Amino acid sequence: MIGRIAPVVTFIACASALAAASLFDNAQQQAQKRYAQGDYQAAARQFTDPYRRGVAQYRSGDYEAAAQSFRDNKRPEVAQQAKYNLGNALFKIGEYEAAAAAYEAALTADPEDDDASYNLGLTRIIMAEAELADEDEEAAKQEEEQADQEQDQSQQEQQSEQNQEQQQGDQQQQSEKSQ
């Protein structure tokens, strides 16, 4: 019987030690544990460091909050990564011009960053395609407006012809009555 109690006592002692250890974790350690477990939202709420909070927010899909956290970064040792990640977050929310500026800033800090260079190129392509789509949309809008104007003009001409015919008919009736 004593042989069975020893493993249980050992297990309880270990579990108590682990529970006590987590009680002594600081907020950053707790946040890091939540991040490692994949609970990015909880980690984001607990991280006080803007860069780490931004990474957790990005991983949770909160790209706007992540962008702000990356902007708030004050740690020089992750400044270049914060600029790159800012670009990624802005790209995700469709702010392509701001994303391009962030990638350019990341490349200024590290011209050898292949990922930033690639993402900048991709962002510029998307911006160019969007500009072409805007131009196409504007051209289609102008064509539609021109077609509407031509239709209006045609209707006005038809109305004018009808009015003239009506006036001629009225004049002819009056001249017949006079005779």
Foldseek 3Di string as FASTA:
>chain_A
DVVVVVVVVVVVVVVVVVVVVVVPDDLQRVLVVCVVVVVLVSSLVRDPQLQSNLVSCVSVVVLVSSLVSLVVHDDPVCVLVSLQSNLVSCVVVPVLVSSLVSLVVSCVVPVPPPVSVVSNVVSVVVVVVVVVVVVVVVVVVVVVVVVVVVVVVVVVVVVVVVVVVVVVVVVVVVVVVVD
